[in-house]
Amino acid sequence: MVFMLFLMKINLKSHLVFKCRYFKCCNFKR
């Protein structure tokens, strides 16, 4: 159970980082 929560946490973090990079890239291209 704790392990699953840990994985979810990592998943969320990586997803947020990806989103941030994606938006930064889009803003930079404009």
N, C-alpha and C. Protein backbone atom coordinates (compact mmCIF):
# COMPACT_ATOMS: atom_id res chain seq x y z
N MET A 1 0.84 -1.20 0.00
CA MET A 1 0.00 0.00 0.00
C MET A 1 0.88 1.26 0.00
N VAL A 2 1.83 1.31 0.91
CA VAL A 2 2.71 2.48 0.97
C VAL A 2 3.50 2.61 -0.33
N PHE A 3 3.90 1.46 -0.85
CA PHE A 3 4.67 1.45 -2.10
C PHE A 3 3.86 2.05 -3.24
N MET A 4 2.58 1.71 -3.28
CA MET A 4 1.71 2.24 -4.34
C MET A 4 1.58 3.76 -4.22
N LEU A 5 1.42 4.22 -3.00
CA LEU A 5 1.32 5.67 -2.78
C LEU A 5 2.60 6.36 -3.23
N PHE A 6 3.72 5.70 -2.93
CA PHE A 6 5.02 6.24 -3.32
C PHE A 6 5.11 6.36 -4.83
N LEU A 7 4.67 5.33 -5.53
CA LEU A 7 4.71 5.34 -7.00
C LEU A 7 3.80 6.43 -7.56
N MET A 8 2.64 6.57 -6.96
CA MET A 8 1.70 7.60 -7.41
C MET A 8 2.32 8.99 -7.25
N LYS A 9 3.01 9.17 -6.14
CA LYS A 9 3.65 10.45 -5.87
C LYS A 9 4.68 10.76 -6.95
N ILE A 10 5.50 9.79 -7.27
CA ILE A 10 6.53 9.96 -8.31
C ILE A 10 5.87 10.24 -9.66
N ASN A 11 4.81 9.51 -9.93
CA ASN A 11 4.08 9.68 -11.19
C ASN A 11 3.58 11.11 -11.32
N LEU A 12 2.97 11.60 -10.26
CA LEU A 12 2.41 12.95 -10.26
C LEU A 12 3.51 13.98 -10.47
N LYS A 13 4.62 13.80 -9.76
CA LYS A 13 5.74 14.74 -9.88
C LYS A 13 6.25 14.79 -11.30
N SER A 14 6.52 13.64 -11.88
CA SER A 14 7.06 13.60 -13.24
C SER A 14 6.06 14.21 -14.22
N HIS A 15 4.77 13.98 -13.97
CA HIS A 15 3.73 14.53 -14.84
C HIS A 15 3.74 16.06 -14.77
N LEU A 16 3.86 16.58 -13.56
CA LEU A 16 3.87 18.03 -13.39
C LEU A 16 5.11 18.64 -14.04
N VAL A 17 6.23 17.98 -13.88
CA VAL A 17 7.48 18.47 -14.47
C VAL A 17 7.35 18.48 -15.99
N PHE A 18 6.76 17.43 -16.53
CA PHE A 18 6.57 17.34 -17.98
C PHE A 18 5.67 18.47 -18.46
N LYS A 19 4.60 18.71 -17.74
CA LYS A 19 3.66 19.77 -18.08
C LYS A 19 4.39 21.12 -18.08
N CYS A 20 5.15 21.36 -17.03
CA CYS A 20 5.88 22.62 -16.90
C CYS A 20 6.81 22.81 -18.09
N ARG A 21 7.58 21.80 -18.42
CA ARG A 21 8.51 21.89 -19.55
C ARG A 21 7.75 22.14 -20.84
N TYR A 22 6.64 21.43 -21.00
CA TYR A 22 5.85 21.55 -22.22
C TYR A 22 5.36 23.00 -22.40
N PHE A 23 4.80 23.55 -21.34
CA PHE A 23 4.28 24.92 -21.43
C PHE A 23 5.39 25.93 -21.62
N LYS A 24 6.52 25.71 -20.97
CA LYS A 24 7.66 26.63 -21.12
C LYS A 24 8.12 26.61 -22.57
N CYS A 25 8.16 25.43 -23.14
CA CYS A 25 8.59 25.27 -24.52
C CYS A 25 7.62 26.01 -25.44
N CYS A 26 6.34 25.85 -25.20
CA CYS A 26 5.32 26.50 -26.03
C CYS A 26 5.45 28.01 -25.93
N ASN A 27 5.65 28.50 -24.72
CA ASN A 27 5.77 29.95 -24.52
C ASN A 27 7.02 30.48 -25.21
N PHE A 28 8.06 29.68 -25.18
CA PHE A 28 9.33 30.09 -25.77
C PHE A 28 9.21 30.17 -27.30
N LYS A 29 8.47 29.26 -27.88
CA LYS A 29 8.32 29.22 -29.34
C LYS A 29 7.48 30.38 -29.86
N ARG A 30 6.60 30.91 -29.05
CA ARG A 30 5.73 31.98 -29.51
C ARG A 30 6.48 33.26 -29.81
